[in-house]
Protein backbone atom coordinates (compact mmCIF):
# COMPACT_ATOMS: atom_id res chain seq x y z
CA MET A 1 -20.80 -20.34 2.19
CA LEU A 2 -17.34 -18.21 1.95
CA THR A 3 -15.90 -18.86 -1.28
CA VAL A 4 -12.12 -17.72 -1.90
CA VAL A 5 -10.45 -17.76 -5.06
CA PHE A 6 -7.08 -19.46 -4.63
CA ILE A 7 -5.19 -17.88 -6.89
CA VAL A 8 -1.60 -20.45 -8.29
CA SER A 9 1.16 -20.82 -6.47
CA SER A 10 3.98 -22.03 -9.12
CA CYS A 11 4.96 -20.75 -11.92
CA ARG A 12 5.11 -23.84 -14.11
CA GLN A 13 1.92 -23.18 -15.86
CA ASN A 14 0.11 -23.87 -19.50
CA THR A 15 -0.93 -20.04 -19.85
CA THR A 16 0.53 -18.20 -22.82
CA LYS A 17 0.42 -14.20 -24.17
CA THR A 18 1.21 -13.34 -26.59
CA GLY A 19 4.22 -10.13 -26.56
CA ALA A 20 4.44 -6.73 -28.03
CA ASP A 21 7.44 -8.83 -29.56
CA GLY A 22 5.32 -11.64 -31.21
CA GLU A 23 6.42 -13.96 -29.09
CA GLN A 24 4.12 -16.53 -26.95
CA HIS A 25 5.72 -15.93 -23.35
CA GLU A 26 4.01 -18.80 -20.67
CA ILE A 27 2.09 -16.81 -17.58
CA CYS A 28 4.06 -17.19 -14.58
CA TYR A 29 2.02 -15.26 -12.68
CA ARG A 30 -1.67 -13.50 -13.20
CA PRO A 31 -2.21 -11.40 -10.02
CA ALA A 32 -6.38 -12.35 -9.14
CA PHE A 33 -6.69 -8.12 -7.60
CA SER A 34 -3.67 -6.50 -9.43
CA GLU A 35 -4.24 -5.07 -12.74
CA ARG A 36 -0.80 -3.59 -13.01
CA PHE A 37 1.35 -6.28 -13.56
CA ILE A 38 2.08 -9.32 -14.11
CA ILE A 39 5.05 -11.78 -14.24
CA GLU A 40 5.90 -14.58 -16.96
CA ASN A 41 8.76 -17.02 -17.43
CA ASP A 42 11.29 -16.26 -21.12
CA GLY A 43 13.46 -19.63 -21.62
CA ASP A 44 15.43 -19.34 -18.36
CA ASP A 45 14.88 -15.27 -17.33
CA LYS A 46 11.14 -14.20 -15.61
CA ARG A 47 9.63 -10.75 -16.99
CA LEU A 48 8.16 -8.51 -14.57
CA THR A 49 5.88 -6.14 -16.86
CA VAL A 50 4.31 -2.76 -14.75
CA TYR A 51 1.30 -0.97 -16.24
CA ASN A 52 0.99 2.88 -15.68
CA PRO A 53 2.78 3.33 -12.27
CA TRP A 54 2.02 6.14 -11.49
CA GLN A 55 -1.56 8.96 -11.71
CA GLY A 56 -2.91 9.55 -14.75
CA SER A 57 -0.79 7.70 -16.90
CA ARG A 58 -2.33 5.64 -19.21
CA ASP A 59 -0.91 2.56 -21.90
CA VAL A 60 2.86 3.27 -20.15
CA LYS A 61 4.61 -0.06 -19.24
CA PHE A 62 7.61 -1.20 -18.16
CA THR A 63 8.74 -4.19 -19.03
CA TYR A 64 11.21 -5.96 -16.24
CA THR A 65 14.04 -8.68 -17.62
CA LEU A 66 15.23 -10.76 -14.39
CA THR A 67 17.99 -12.72 -15.04
CA SER A 68 20.96 -15.29 -13.20
CA GLY A 69 23.13 -14.18 -16.16
CA ASN A 70 23.87 -11.26 -18.25
CA ASN A 71 22.41 -7.78 -16.75
CA ASP A 72 23.65 -5.15 -19.63
CA GLY A 73 20.11 -3.94 -20.80
CA VAL A 74 18.93 -1.24 -19.25
CA HIS A 75 14.93 -2.73 -17.48
CA THR A 76 17.54 -6.04 -16.51
CA VAL A 77 18.33 -6.56 -13.17
CA LYS A 78 20.76 -9.91 -12.12
CA ILE A 79 18.42 -11.91 -9.13
CA PRO A 80 18.89 -12.76 -6.11
CA VAL A 81 18.96 -9.59 -5.69
CA GLU A 82 21.72 -8.84 -2.45
CA ARG A 83 21.24 -4.67 -2.47
CA VAL A 84 18.11 -3.00 -2.47
CA ILE A 85 17.37 0.50 -2.07
CA CYS A 86 13.84 1.58 -1.72
CA LEU A 87 12.05 5.00 -2.03
CA SER A 88 9.19 4.61 -0.26
CA SER A 89 8.36 2.46 3.46
CA THR A 90 5.67 0.36 1.66
CA HIS A 91 8.49 -1.66 -0.15
CA VAL A 92 10.69 -1.77 3.01
CA ALA A 93 6.44 -3.79 4.25
CA PHE A 94 7.09 -5.97 1.37
CA ILE A 95 10.64 -7.30 1.77
CA ASP A 96 9.56 -7.79 5.30
CA PHE A 97 7.06 -10.20 3.49
CA ILE A 98 9.47 -12.73 2.41
CA ASN A 99 12.09 -11.92 5.50
CA LYS A 100 15.01 -10.25 3.00
CA THR A 101 15.09 -6.76 5.05
CA ASP A 102 19.06 -7.64 5.27
CA ARG A 103 19.06 -6.76 1.95
CA ILE A 104 17.68 -3.39 1.95
CA ALA A 105 20.93 -1.46 1.88
CA GLY A 106 18.76 2.30 1.68
CA VAL A 107 15.87 4.27 2.31
CA SER A 108 14.19 7.03 1.65
CA GLY A 109 13.84 8.90 5.35
CA THR A 110 15.11 6.45 7.87
CA GLY A 111 12.93 8.28 10.35
CA TYR A 112 9.78 7.57 9.17
CA ILE A 113 10.30 3.66 8.61
CA SER A 114 8.66 1.55 11.82
CA ASN A 115 10.51 -2.01 11.19
CA GLU A 116 12.14 -3.43 13.90
CA ASN A 117 15.17 -4.72 11.53
CA VAL A 118 15.29 -2.21 8.98
CA GLN A 119 15.91 0.02 12.20
CA ARG A 120 17.91 -1.23 13.87
CA GLN A 121 20.38 -1.62 10.59
CA ILE A 122 19.34 2.18 10.19
CA GLU A 123 21.64 2.12 14.07
CA ARG A 124 24.12 0.60 12.94
CA ASN A 125 24.61 2.35 9.44
CA GLN A 126 23.93 -0.99 7.51
CA THR A 127 20.73 0.69 6.24
CA VAL A 128 21.29 4.69 5.41
CA ASP A 129 19.14 7.79 4.58
CA VAL A 130 19.43 8.25 0.74
CA GLY A 131 17.74 11.18 0.36
CA TYR A 132 13.57 12.13 -0.77
CA GLU A 133 11.77 12.75 -3.57
CA ASN A 134 13.68 15.67 -5.57
CA TYR A 135 16.48 15.73 -2.85
CA LEU A 136 17.61 12.28 -3.56
CA SER A 137 21.55 12.07 -2.85
CA TYR A 138 22.98 10.35 -6.00
CA GLU A 139 26.36 10.07 -4.50
CA VAL A 140 24.93 8.16 -1.60
CA ILE A 141 23.18 6.10 -3.77
CA ALA A 142 26.37 5.11 -5.81
CA SER A 143 28.38 4.58 -3.15
CA LEU A 144 25.49 1.77 -1.97
CA LYS A 145 26.30 -0.28 -4.98
CA PRO A 146 22.67 -1.42 -5.17
CA ASP A 147 21.72 -4.22 -7.50
CA VAL A 148 17.98 -1.94 -7.68
CA VAL A 149 16.26 0.60 -6.94
CA PHE A 150 12.36 0.40 -5.62
CA ALA A 151 10.34 3.65 -6.94
CA TYR A 152 7.04 4.64 -7.44
CA GLY A 153 6.04 7.47 -9.52
CA VAL A 154 3.30 10.18 -9.26
CA ASP A 155 2.68 12.40 -12.90
CA GLY A 156 5.42 10.85 -14.21
CA GLU A 157 8.05 12.64 -12.90
CA LEU A 158 11.14 10.58 -11.65
CA GLY A 159 11.45 10.50 -15.74
CA ASN A 160 14.92 12.45 -14.38
CA THR A 161 15.40 10.13 -11.97
CA GLU A 162 15.58 7.03 -13.96
CA ALA A 163 18.00 8.52 -16.66
CA LYS A 164 20.22 9.74 -14.26
CA LEU A 165 20.33 6.51 -12.39
CA ASN A 166 20.78 4.93 -15.99
CA GLU A 167 23.60 6.88 -16.34
CA MET A 168 24.99 6.20 -12.94
CA GLY A 169 24.50 1.70 -14.38
CA ILE A 170 21.69 1.87 -11.52
CA LYS A 171 18.23 0.09 -12.76
CA LEU A 172 15.22 1.44 -10.71
CA VAL A 173 11.99 -0.71 -11.32
CA TYR A 174 8.48 1.09 -10.52
CA ILE A 175 5.84 -0.67 -7.68
CA GLY A 176 2.46 0.94 -7.93
CA GLU A 177 0.69 -0.68 -5.58
CA TYR A 178 -0.32 3.11 -3.97
CA LEU A 179 -2.70 3.28 -7.14
CA GLU A 180 -4.69 -0.31 -6.62
CA LYS A 181 -8.72 0.24 -5.50
CA THR A 182 -8.80 -2.52 -3.22
CA PRO A 183 -6.81 -3.70 0.20
CA LEU A 184 -5.84 -7.02 -1.92
CA ALA A 185 -4.61 -5.69 -4.38
CA LYS A 186 -2.53 -3.77 -3.21
CA ALA A 187 -1.14 -6.40 -1.08
CA GLU A 188 -0.23 -8.68 -3.95
CA TRP A 189 2.51 -6.56 -5.48
CA ALA A 190 4.48 -8.46 -2.12
CA VAL A 191 4.18 -11.28 -5.36
CA ALA A 192 5.99 -8.41 -7.83
CA VAL A 193 8.74 -7.41 -5.24
CA ALA A 194 9.24 -10.87 -4.15
CA ALA A 195 10.26 -12.40 -7.97
CA PHE A 196 13.37 -9.98 -7.31
CA PHE A 197 14.44 -12.25 -4.65
CA ASN A 198 13.57 -15.61 -6.14
CA GLU A 199 10.74 -15.77 -3.24
CA GLU A 200 7.85 -15.48 -5.44
CA GLU A 201 6.31 -19.08 -4.47
CA LYS A 202 6.73 -17.86 -0.78
CA ALA A 203 4.60 -14.99 -1.47
CA ILE A 204 1.94 -16.39 -3.20
CA GLU A 205 1.70 -18.64 -0.58
CA LYS A 206 1.36 -15.88 2.36
CA PHE A 207 -0.94 -13.81 -0.36
CA LYS A 208 -2.96 -16.55 -0.11
CA ASN A 209 -3.70 -17.13 3.52
CA ILE A 210 -4.23 -13.47 3.57
CA GLU A 211 -6.85 -13.20 1.05
CA TYR A 212 -8.56 -16.15 3.04
CA GLU A 213 -8.70 -14.62 6.04
CA TYR A 214 -9.77 -11.24 4.35
CA ASN A 215 -12.72 -12.52 2.86
CA TRP A 216 -14.11 -14.87 5.68
CA LEU A 217 -13.95 -11.60 7.88
CA LYS A 218 -15.17 -9.40 4.86
CA GLU A 219 -18.38 -12.16 4.68
CA LEU A 220 -18.41 -12.17 8.26
CA ALA A 221 -19.52 -8.55 8.35
CA GLU A 222 -21.78 -8.46 5.18
CA ASN A 223 -25.30 -9.05 6.35
CA VAL A 224 -25.25 -7.31 9.54
CA ALA A 225 -28.48 -5.76 10.58
CA ASP A 226 -27.52 -1.97 10.69
CA ARG A 227 -24.41 -0.29 9.57
CA PRO A 228 -23.16 2.75 11.46
CA LYS A 229 -23.00 6.24 9.16
CA VAL A 230 -19.40 6.45 9.10
CA LEU A 231 -17.22 9.91 8.47
CA VAL A 232 -14.17 9.62 7.16
CA ASN A 233 -11.00 12.05 7.42
CA ALA A 234 -10.14 15.52 8.83
CA PRO A 235 -10.35 19.05 7.21
CA TYR A 236 -6.73 20.14 6.34
CA ARG A 237 -6.11 23.82 6.21
CA ASP A 238 -9.59 24.67 5.60
CA VAL A 239 -10.26 21.55 2.68
CA TRP A 240 -11.42 18.55 3.58
CA TYR A 241 -10.40 15.29 1.13
CA LEU A 242 -13.14 13.05 1.10
CA PRO A 243 -12.07 9.68 -0.43
CA SER A 244 -13.64 8.10 -3.74
CA THR A 245 -15.79 5.11 -3.45
CA ALA A 246 -13.49 3.35 -5.45
CA SER A 247 -10.47 3.75 -3.00
CA VAL A 248 -8.84 1.11 -0.51
CA THR A 249 -10.16 3.11 2.61
CA ILE A 250 -14.13 2.71 0.96
CA ASN A 251 -13.42 -0.47 0.29
CA LEU A 252 -12.50 -1.13 3.53
CA LEU A 253 -14.87 0.86 4.91
CA ASN A 254 -17.74 -1.18 3.47
CA ASP A 255 -15.65 -4.83 3.78
CA ALA A 256 -16.92 -4.10 7.17
CA GLY A 257 -20.04 -3.60 7.38
CA GLY A 258 -19.14 0.37 7.61
CA LYS A 259 -21.62 2.79 4.92
CA TYR A 260 -20.16 5.54 4.15
CA ILE A 261 -21.55 9.18 4.48
CA PHE A 262 -20.26 11.07 0.87
CA GLU A 263 -20.96 7.63 -0.78
CA ALA A 264 -23.61 9.45 -3.60
CA GLU A 265 -21.06 12.03 -3.88
CA THR A 266 -17.82 10.31 -4.55
CA LYS A 267 -19.21 7.29 -5.88
CA ASN A 268 -16.54 6.28 -8.52
CA ALA A 269 -14.33 9.47 -8.78
CA SER A 270 -11.14 8.91 -10.28
CA LYS A 271 -9.49 10.53 -6.65
CA THR A 272 -9.99 12.07 -3.46
CA ASN A 273 -12.57 15.06 -3.66
CA PRO A 274 -11.60 18.49 -2.06
CA THR A 275 -14.25 19.26 -0.03
CA SER A 276 -15.00 22.95 2.29
CA ILE A 277 -15.75 21.73 5.68
CA GLU A 278 -19.05 23.44 5.96
CA TYR A 279 -20.05 21.13 3.58
CA VAL A 280 -18.85 18.39 5.06
CA TYR A 281 -20.14 19.37 8.18
CA ALA A 282 -23.66 20.40 7.45
CA LYS A 283 -24.09 16.64 6.05
CA ALA A 284 -22.53 14.87 8.38
CA LEU A 285 -23.65 15.82 12.35
CA ASP A 286 -25.78 12.24 12.66
CA ALA A 287 -21.71 10.52 12.05
CA ASP A 288 -22.11 7.39 14.09
CA VAL A 289 -18.46 6.52 13.93
CA TRP A 290 -16.03 8.81 12.58
CA ILE A 291 -12.13 7.47 11.30
CA ASN A 292 -8.51 8.84 10.19
CA LEU A 293 -8.31 11.63 11.38
CA ASN A 294 -4.97 13.03 9.87
CA SER A 295 -2.16 13.57 12.49
CA GLU A 296 -4.26 14.11 14.85
CA THR A 297 -3.93 12.04 18.31
CA SER A 298 -6.61 13.95 20.82
CA LEU A 299 -10.17 15.20 20.16
CA GLN A 300 -8.89 18.51 21.61
CA GLN A 301 -6.76 18.71 18.89
CA LEU A 302 -9.64 17.78 16.51
CA GLN A 303 -11.68 20.55 18.26
CA SER A 304 -9.13 22.79 17.83
CA LEU A 305 -9.39 22.54 13.62
CA ASP A 306 -12.67 23.88 13.87
CA GLY A 307 -14.91 24.76 17.04
CA ARG A 308 -18.14 23.06 15.20
CA LEU A 309 -16.53 19.58 15.03
CA ALA A 310 -17.54 18.84 18.24
CA ASP A 311 -21.71 19.27 17.35
CA ILE A 312 -20.66 15.82 15.39
CA SER A 313 -22.81 13.28 16.83
CA ALA A 314 -19.91 10.83 16.43
CA PHE A 315 -17.69 13.43 18.32
CA LYS A 316 -20.30 14.13 20.92
CA SER A 317 -20.32 9.77 21.70
CA ARG A 318 -15.94 9.39 21.71
CA SER A 319 -17.25 7.37 18.19
CA VAL A 320 -13.43 9.00 17.09
CA TYR A 321 -10.76 7.03 15.62
CA ASN A 322 -7.51 7.35 13.87
CA ASN A 323 -5.22 4.97 12.13
CA SER A 324 -2.03 5.81 14.75
CA LYS A 325 -2.01 4.04 17.51
CA ARG A 326 1.85 2.67 15.92
CA LEU A 327 3.65 5.98 15.46
CA ASN A 328 7.58 5.75 16.18
CA HIS A 329 8.52 8.99 18.03
CA GLN A 330 9.61 10.45 14.62
CA GLY A 331 5.61 10.77 13.23
CA GLY A 332 6.34 7.75 10.73
CA ASN A 333 3.09 5.24 11.09
CA ASP A 334 3.51 1.65 10.57
CA PHE A 335 -0.54 1.98 9.54
CA TRP A 336 1.21 3.20 5.90
CA GLU A 337 3.86 0.31 6.41
CA SER A 338 3.17 -2.64 7.74
CA GLY A 339 -0.58 -2.46 6.91
CA VAL A 340 -0.24 -2.70 3.21
CA VAL A 341 0.27 -6.30 3.25
CA ASN A 342 -2.01 -6.32 6.60
CA PRO A 343 -5.65 -6.05 5.01
CA GLN A 344 -6.84 -8.30 7.16
CA ILE A 345 -6.09 -6.95 10.40
CA ILE A 346 -7.05 -3.56 9.56
CA LEU A 347 -9.97 -4.85 8.46
CA LYS A 348 -10.63 -7.08 11.63
CA ASP A 349 -9.84 -3.24 13.39
CA LEU A 350 -12.65 -1.49 11.46
CA ILE A 351 -14.57 -4.69 12.34
CA LYS A 352 -14.12 -4.10 15.85
CA ILE A 353 -14.95 -0.59 15.48
CA PHE A 354 -17.94 -0.71 13.60
CA HIS A 355 -19.43 -3.89 15.31
CA PRO A 356 -17.50 -5.08 18.22
CA ASP A 357 -19.53 -7.91 19.15
CA LEU A 358 -18.43 -9.86 16.26
CA LEU A 359 -14.26 -10.17 17.16
CA PRO A 360 -14.68 -9.34 20.83
CA GLU A 361 -11.16 -10.98 21.43
CA HIS A 362 -9.78 -8.91 19.13
CA GLN A 363 -7.65 -5.86 20.38
CA LEU A 364 -6.78 -2.89 18.43
CA PHE A 365 -3.62 -3.24 15.71
CA TYR A 366 -3.63 -0.22 14.25
CA TYR A 367 -6.46 2.10 15.46
CA LYS A 368 -6.60 3.78 18.84
CA LYS A 369 -9.53 5.39 20.07
CA LEU A 370 -8.82 8.98 20.36
CA GLU A 371 -9.75 10.49 24.06
């Protein structure tokens, strides 16, 4: 029998927690899956606290006050926001989740955005490119007059960017979904982003439906008799990066009824493991299915990386699938964009690949078979 933990869809709760200021704050939303954010009520305002928002961070947190009143504080944002900048395509997906893409004034890398609404806005110059990482254009950002810049941090390198934006009176907010270990925890960040638009209840309700469908699919594949041996990724510059068993990729693989070939070697590792082609080749020869092959779009391209790859059983049986079905003409991959809020569709694709009889009517959405 399917068991689903439904999350509360209202900010009117009685639970409280004591903050660093010694005051008790009513919890508006405590995530069911993510441990990296929480939303609280603070009088007429809301407080979004983001925990450890970059790799390797420990005991780091940022608390943002979301208010309809005065927003003079560095970490105070007036809501609902009207103009936002997204430094990751996943932020676009979170905003599309609540149908607010018209609020996106700027993105990092217009050519890599898949969302059709935002692409139309780009064509009309309603959404513009603000640059990338260390090459952000502060002049363009200032000209857009954003209410908030949604950003992601890697090793805390955004400190200088945040300081520069603070000097300009522009608010930067860290979104840490990319660090989550489960697909539902990643998708749950849609609620945190929705709070800036006063749309968190809509996001919570939609997330409930995703949670229900995901768990239904997971249970469907839970008791399969045979789990295919699955090889993940492909060599890049002679290095094969093996994902950890604690990663979103392997959680999806397991939930879809697959068996990760390198489970023992990567068990509970904190990050992707760089490995030699020789080591992977020796153990992966009997792989039944091969998925997530970087940017390769054909078996010929794959074999050109290293001729020995054609010896792998999954290659011989043509059971090779890449998550590249929804590439745009400039190489942007919607798997990494809308996939963040559609883990149930990714799970469907993987179940279809591993156990096609379980979902006979499903057509692959993010994945494609390499020929």
